[in-house]
Amino acid sequence: EPSSMDPLFSRTGNNQQAAENIYER
């Protein structure tokens, strides 16, 4: 699971795969 819903908090894969459902690059 991610450690935060802030997409710029951590570049770890678990955070990014949560973030990319909501945010884009």
PDB file of all heavy atoms in Angstrom:
ATOM      1  N   GLU A   1       0.819  -1.201   0.000  1.00  0.00           N
ATOM      2  CA  GLU A   1       0.000   0.000   0.000  1.00  0.00           C
ATOM      3  C   GLU A   1       0.860   1.262   0.000  1.00  0.00           C
ATOM      4  O   GLU A   1       2.031   1.228   0.390  1.00  0.00           O
ATOM      5  CB  GLU A   1      -0.939   0.015   1.201  1.00  0.00           C
ATOM      6  CG  GLU A   1      -0.266   0.198   2.541  1.00  0.00           C
ATOM      7  CD  GLU A   1      -1.275   0.426   3.642  1.00  0.00           C
ATOM      8  OE1 GLU A   1      -2.223   1.199   3.427  1.00  0.00           O
ATOM      9  OE2 GLU A   1      -1.111  -0.182   4.715  1.00  0.00           O
ATOM     10  N   PRO A   2       0.295   2.356  -0.425  1.00  0.00           N
ATOM     11  CA  PRO A   2       1.049   3.608  -0.430  1.00  0.00           C
ATOM     12  C   PRO A   2       1.220   4.165   0.971  1.00  0.00           C
ATOM     13  O   PRO A   2       0.480   3.814   1.895  1.00  0.00           O
ATOM     14  CB  PRO A   2       0.178   4.531  -1.292  1.00  0.00           C
ATOM     15  CG  PRO A   2      -1.206   3.996  -1.112  1.00  0.00           C
ATOM     16  CD  PRO A   2      -1.055   2.509  -0.996  1.00  0.00           C
ATOM     17  N   SER A   3       2.175   5.034   1.133  1.00  0.00           N
ATOM     18  CA  SER A   3       2.402   5.692   2.418  1.00  0.00           C
ATOM     19  C   SER A   3       1.694   7.039   2.489  1.00  0.00           C
ATOM     20  O   SER A   3       1.573   7.627   3.570  1.00  0.00           O
ATOM     21  CB  SER A   3       3.901   5.894   2.643  1.00  0.00           C
ATOM     22  OG  SER A   3       4.495   6.595   1.559  1.00  0.00           O
ATOM     23  N   SER A   4       1.211   7.523   1.355  1.00  0.00           N
ATOM     24  CA  SER A   4       0.522   8.816   1.327  1.00  0.00           C
ATOM     25  C   SER A   4      -0.264   8.930   0.032  1.00  0.00           C
ATOM     26  O   SER A   4       0.084   8.303  -0.970  1.00  0.00           O
ATOM     27  CB  SER A   4       1.529   9.967   1.410  1.00  0.00           C
ATOM     28  OG  SER A   4       0.905  11.227   1.218  1.00  0.00           O
ATOM     29  N   MET A   5      -1.326   9.742   0.048  1.00  0.00           N
ATOM     30  CA  MET A   5      -2.050  10.062  -1.171  1.00  0.00           C
ATOM     31  C   MET A   5      -1.478  11.294  -1.868  1.00  0.00           C
ATOM     32  O   MET A   5      -1.947  11.691  -2.936  1.00  0.00           O
ATOM     33  CB  MET A   5      -3.532  10.299  -0.861  1.00  0.00           C
ATOM     34  CG  MET A   5      -4.321   9.034  -0.595  1.00  0.00           C
ATOM     35  SD  MET A   5      -4.406   7.957  -2.050  1.00  0.00           S
ATOM     36  CE  MET A   5      -3.430   6.576  -1.478  1.00  0.00           C
ATOM     37  N   ASP A   6      -0.475  11.896  -1.269  1.00  0.00           N
ATOM     38  CA  ASP A   6       0.246  12.986  -1.923  1.00  0.00           C
ATOM     39  C   ASP A   6       1.117  12.350  -3.001  1.00  0.00           C
ATOM     40  O   ASP A   6       2.061  11.616  -2.692  1.00  0.00           O
ATOM     41  CB  ASP A   6       1.106  13.719  -0.905  1.00  0.00           C
ATOM     42  CG  ASP A   6       1.901  14.873  -1.499  1.00  0.00           C
ATOM     43  OD1 ASP A   6       1.986  14.978  -2.740  1.00  0.00           O
ATOM     44  OD2 ASP A   6       2.456  15.670  -0.716  1.00  0.00           O
ATOM     45  N   PRO A   7       0.840  12.595  -4.266  1.00  0.00           N
ATOM     46  CA  PRO A   7       1.571  11.897  -5.332  1.00  0.00           C
ATOM     47  C   PRO A   7       3.033  12.290  -5.432  1.00  0.00           C
ATOM     48  O   PRO A   7       3.807  11.604  -6.101  1.00  0.00           O
ATOM     49  CB  PRO A   7       0.801  12.302  -6.592  1.00  0.00           C
ATOM     50  CG  PRO A   7       0.260  13.652  -6.265  1.00  0.00           C
ATOM     51  CD  PRO A   7      -0.120  13.576  -4.809  1.00  0.00           C
ATOM     52  N   LEU A   8       3.423  13.394  -4.796  1.00  0.00           N
ATOM     53  CA  LEU A   8       4.803  13.835  -4.851  1.00  0.00           C
ATOM     54  C   LEU A   8       5.543  13.548  -3.546  1.00  0.00           C
ATOM     55  O   LEU A   8       6.652  14.050  -3.347  1.00  0.00           O
ATOM     56  CB  LEU A   8       4.875  15.329  -5.191  1.00  0.00           C
ATOM     57  CG  LEU A   8       4.296  15.706  -6.563  1.00  0.00           C
ATOM     58  CD1 LEU A   8       4.431  17.203  -6.818  1.00  0.00           C
ATOM     59  CD2 LEU A   8       4.971  14.915  -7.679  1.00  0.00           C
ATOM     60  N   PHE A   9       4.940  12.730  -2.656  1.00  0.00           N
ATOM     61  CA  PHE A   9       5.593  12.405  -1.390  1.00  0.00           C
ATOM     62  C   PHE A   9       6.715  11.399  -1.580  1.00  0.00           C
ATOM     63  O   PHE A   9       7.778  11.515  -0.977  1.00  0.00           O
ATOM     64  CB  PHE A   9       4.574  11.853  -0.393  1.00  0.00           C
ATOM     65  CG  PHE A   9       5.190  11.388   0.900  1.00  0.00           C
ATOM     66  CD1 PHE A   9       5.727  12.304   1.788  1.00  0.00           C
ATOM     67  CD2 PHE A   9       5.259  10.039   1.214  1.00  0.00           C
ATOM     68  CE1 PHE A   9       6.326  11.886   2.981  1.00  0.00           C
ATOM     69  CE2 PHE A   9       5.848   9.601   2.389  1.00  0.00           C
ATOM     70  CZ  PHE A   9       6.380  10.531   3.289  1.00  0.00           C
ATOM     71  N   SER A  10       6.495  10.401  -2.419  1.00  0.00           N
ATOM     72  CA  SER A  10       7.491   9.345  -2.569  1.00  0.00           C
ATOM     73  C   SER A  10       7.436   8.741  -3.960  1.00  0.00           C
ATOM     74  O   SER A  10       6.359   8.456  -4.474  1.00  0.00           O
ATOM     75  CB  SER A  10       7.254   8.242  -1.525  1.00  0.00           C
ATOM     76  OG  SER A  10       8.146   7.162  -1.720  1.00  0.00           O
ATOM     77  N   ARG A  11       8.603   8.515  -4.534  1.00  0.00           N
ATOM     78  CA  ARG A  11       8.695   7.930  -5.872  1.00  0.00           C
ATOM     79  C   ARG A  11       8.663   6.411  -5.850  1.00  0.00           C
ATOM     80  O   ARG A  11       8.856   5.784  -6.885  1.00  0.00           O
ATOM     81  CB  ARG A  11       9.990   8.388  -6.546  1.00  0.00           C
ATOM     82  CG  ARG A  11       9.838   9.654  -7.380  1.00  0.00           C
ATOM     83  CD  ARG A  11      11.072   9.898  -8.197  1.00  0.00           C
ATOM     84  NE  ARG A  11      11.366   8.784  -9.096  1.00  0.00           N
ATOM     85  CZ  ARG A  11      12.480   8.682  -9.799  1.00  0.00           C
ATOM     86  NH1 ARG A  11      13.417   9.602  -9.690  1.00  0.00           N
ATOM     87  NH2 ARG A  11      12.664   7.643 -10.595  1.00  0.00           N
ATOM     88  N   THR A  12       8.423   5.800  -4.688  1.00  0.00           N
ATOM     89  CA  THR A  12       8.372   4.351  -4.612  1.00  0.00           C
ATOM     90  C   THR A  12       7.208   3.820  -5.435  1.00  0.00           C
ATOM     91  O   THR A  12       6.184   4.474  -5.601  1.00  0.00           O
ATOM     92  CB  THR A  12       8.239   3.888  -3.158  1.00  0.00           C
ATOM     93  OG1 THR A  12       7.182   4.622  -2.530  1.00  0.00           O
ATOM     94  CG2 THR A  12       9.533   4.133  -2.395  1.00  0.00           C
ATOM     95  N   GLY A  13       7.365   2.593  -5.942  1.00  0.00           N
ATOM     96  CA  GLY A  13       6.374   2.024  -6.847  1.00  0.00           C
ATOM     97  C   GLY A  13       5.000   1.893  -6.235  1.00  0.00           C
ATOM     98  O   GLY A  13       3.988   2.106  -6.911  1.00  0.00           O
ATOM     99  N   ASN A  14       4.918   1.545  -4.944  1.00  0.00           N
ATOM    100  CA  ASN A  14       3.610   1.399  -4.302  1.00  0.00           C
ATOM    101  C   ASN A  14       2.867   2.732  -4.262  1.00  0.00           C
ATOM    102  O   ASN A  14       1.640   2.775  -4.428  1.00  0.00           O
ATOM    103  CB  ASN A  14       3.753   0.806  -2.895  1.00  0.00           C
ATOM    104  CG  ASN A  14       4.801   1.525  -2.055  1.00  0.00           C
ATOM    105  OD1 ASN A  14       5.838   1.952  -2.566  1.00  0.00           O
ATOM    106  ND2 ASN A  14       4.561   1.650  -0.773  1.00  0.00           N
ATOM    107  N   ASN A  15       3.583   3.821  -4.062  1.00  0.00           N
ATOM    108  CA  ASN A  15       2.944   5.132  -4.092  1.00  0.00           C
ATOM    109  C   ASN A  15       2.541   5.526  -5.506  1.00  0.00           C
ATOM    110  O   ASN A  15       1.453   6.068  -5.726  1.00  0.00           O
ATOM    111  CB  ASN A  15       3.875   6.190  -3.504  1.00  0.00           C
ATOM    112  CG  ASN A  15       3.854   6.204  -1.987  1.00  0.00           C
ATOM    113  OD1 ASN A  15       4.000   5.168  -1.343  1.00  0.00           O
ATOM    114  ND2 ASN A  15       3.670   7.364  -1.411  1.00  0.00           N
ATOM    115  N   GLN A  16       3.407   5.242  -6.456  1.00  0.00           N
ATOM    116  CA  GLN A  16       3.121   5.680  -7.819  1.00  0.00           C
ATOM    117  C   GLN A  16       1.937   4.940  -8.432  1.00  0.00           C
ATOM    118  O   GLN A  16       1.156   5.546  -9.173  1.00  0.00           O
ATOM    119  CB  GLN A  16       4.364   5.514  -8.688  1.00  0.00           C
ATOM    120  CG  GLN A  16       5.475   6.484  -8.331  1.00  0.00           C
ATOM    121  CD  GLN A  16       6.491   6.631  -9.442  1.00  0.00           C
ATOM    122  OE1 GLN A  16       6.177   7.097 -10.530  1.00  0.00           O
ATOM    123  NE2 GLN A  16       7.712   6.220  -9.167  1.00  0.00           N
ATOM    124  N   GLN A  17       1.789   3.636  -8.138  1.00  0.00           N
ATOM    125  CA  GLN A  17       0.690   2.924  -8.773  1.00  0.00           C
ATOM    126  C   GLN A  17      -0.656   3.322  -8.180  1.00  0.00           C
ATOM    127  O   GLN A  17      -1.682   3.150  -8.821  1.00  0.00           O
ATOM    128  CB  GLN A  17       0.895   1.418  -8.731  1.00  0.00           C
ATOM    129  CG  GLN A  17       0.743   0.744  -7.402  1.00  0.00           C
ATOM    130  CD  GLN A  17       0.911  -0.774  -7.551  1.00  0.00           C
ATOM    131  OE1 GLN A  17       1.342  -1.289  -8.578  1.00  0.00           O
ATOM    132  NE2 GLN A  17       0.557  -1.496  -6.512  1.00  0.00           N
ATOM    133  N   ALA A  18      -0.660   3.893  -6.982  1.00  0.00           N
ATOM    134  CA  ALA A  18      -1.886   4.487  -6.448  1.00  0.00           C
ATOM    135  C   ALA A  18      -2.122   5.846  -7.097  1.00  0.00           C
ATOM    136  O   ALA A  18      -3.223   6.163  -7.551  1.00  0.00           O
ATOM    137  CB  ALA A  18      -1.804   4.628  -4.927  1.00  0.00           C
ATOM    138  N   ALA A  19      -1.049   6.641  -7.181  1.00  0.00           N
ATOM    139  CA  ALA A  19      -1.171   8.006  -7.692  1.00  0.00           C
ATOM    140  C   ALA A  19      -1.626   8.052  -9.135  1.00  0.00           C
ATOM    141  O   ALA A  19      -2.431   8.918  -9.513  1.00  0.00           O
ATOM    142  CB  ALA A  19       0.164   8.732  -7.550  1.00  0.00           C
ATOM    143  N   GLU A  20      -1.140   7.140  -9.974  1.00  0.00           N
ATOM    144  CA  GLU A  20      -1.431   7.276 -11.398  1.00  0.00           C
ATOM    145  C   GLU A  20      -2.865   6.925 -11.768  1.00  0.00           C
ATOM    146  O   GLU A  20      -3.243   7.103 -12.928  1.00  0.00           O
ATOM    147  CB  GLU A  20      -0.438   6.464 -12.230  1.00  0.00           C
ATOM    148  CG  GLU A  20      -0.515   4.969 -12.060  1.00  0.00           C
ATOM    149  CD  GLU A  20       0.601   4.254 -12.811  1.00  0.00           C
ATOM    150  OE1 GLU A  20       1.565   4.934 -13.223  1.00  0.00           O
ATOM    151  OE2 GLU A  20       0.514   3.033 -12.969  1.00  0.00           O
ATOM    152  N   ASN A  21      -3.667   6.466 -10.825  1.00  0.00           N
ATOM    153  CA  ASN A  21      -5.105   6.355 -11.068  1.00  0.00           C
ATOM    154  C   ASN A  21      -5.781   7.709 -11.005  1.00  0.00           C
ATOM    155  O   ASN A  21      -6.815   7.934 -11.641  1.00  0.00           O
ATOM    156  CB  ASN A  21      -5.752   5.426 -10.033  1.00  0.00           C
ATOM    157  CG  ASN A  21      -5.283   4.002 -10.152  1.00  0.00           C
ATOM    158  OD1 ASN A  21      -5.372   3.399 -11.211  1.00  0.00           O
ATOM    159  ND2 ASN A  21      -4.757   3.452  -9.062  1.00  0.00           N
ATOM    160  N   ILE A  22      -5.207   8.617 -10.224  1.00  0.00           N
ATOM    161  CA  ILE A  22      -5.831   9.900  -9.909  1.00  0.00           C
ATOM    162  C   ILE A  22      -5.149  11.048 -10.648  1.00  0.00           C
ATOM    163  O   ILE A  22      -5.806  11.990 -11.096  1.00  0.00           O
ATOM    164  CB  ILE A  22      -5.774  10.160  -8.388  1.00  0.00           C
ATOM    165  CG1 ILE A  22      -6.433   9.000  -7.636  1.00  0.00           C
ATOM    166  CG2 ILE A  22      -6.422  11.492  -8.025  1.00  0.00           C
ATOM    167  CD1 ILE A  22      -6.177   9.019  -6.138  1.00  0.00           C
ATOM    168  N   TYR A  23      -3.851  10.963 -10.768  1.00  0.00           N
ATOM    169  CA  TYR A  23      -3.062  12.049 -11.355  1.00  0.00           C
ATOM    170  C   TYR A  23      -2.395  11.588 -12.648  1.00  0.00           C
ATOM    171  O   TYR A  23      -2.290  10.400 -12.925  1.00  0.00           O
ATOM    172  CB  TYR A  23      -1.971  12.496 -10.374  1.00  0.00           C
ATOM    173  CG  TYR A  23      -2.488  12.898  -9.025  1.00  0.00           C
ATOM    174  CD1 TYR A  23      -2.591  11.953  -8.006  1.00  0.00           C
ATOM    175  CD2 TYR A  23      -2.874  14.201  -8.757  1.00  0.00           C
ATOM    176  CE1 TYR A  23      -3.072  12.304  -6.750  1.00  0.00           C
ATOM    177  CE2 TYR A  23      -3.356  14.562  -7.516  1.00  0.00           C
ATOM    178  CZ  TYR A  23      -3.456  13.600  -6.510  1.00  0.00           C
ATOM    179  OH  TYR A  23      -3.935  13.960  -5.276  1.00  0.00           O
ATOM    180  N   GLU A  24      -1.900  12.555 -13.377  1.00  0.00           N
ATOM    181  CA  GLU A  24      -1.176  12.233 -14.602  1.00  0.00           C
ATOM    182  C   GLU A  24       0.110  13.027 -14.673  1.00  0.00           C
ATOM    183  O   GLU A  24       0.347  13.953 -13.887  1.00  0.00           O
ATOM    184  CB  GLU A  24      -2.049  12.523 -15.825  1.00  0.00           C
ATOM    185  CG  GLU A  24      -3.278  11.627 -15.896  1.00  0.00           C
ATOM    186  CD  GLU A  24      -4.093  11.922 -17.131  1.00  0.00           C
ATOM    187  OE1 GLU A  24      -4.736  12.993 -17.182  1.00  0.00           O
ATOM    188  OE2 GLU A  24      -4.070  11.076 -18.047  1.00  0.00           O
ATOM    189  N   ARG A  25       0.921  12.684 -15.664  1.00  0.00           N
ATOM    190  CA  ARG A  25       2.203  13.342 -15.873  1.00  0.00           C
ATOM    191  C   ARG A  25       2.238  13.951 -17.279  1.00  0.00           C
ATOM    192  O   ARG A  25       1.361  13.680 -18.087  1.00  0.00           O
ATOM    193  CB  ARG A  25       3.328  12.328 -15.704  1.00  0.00           C
ATOM    194  CG  ARG A  25       3.314  11.630 -14.343  1.00  0.00           C
ATOM    195  CD  ARG A  25       4.259  10.456 -14.310  1.00  0.00           C
ATOM    196  NE  ARG A  25       3.837   9.409 -15.233  1.00  0.00           N
ATOM    197  CZ  ARG A  25       4.636   8.471 -15.693  1.00  0.00           C
ATOM    198  NH1 ARG A  25       5.903   8.459 -15.362  1.00  0.00           N
ATOM    199  NH2 ARG A  25       4.183   7.549 -16.524  1.00  0.00           N
TER     200      ARG A  25
END
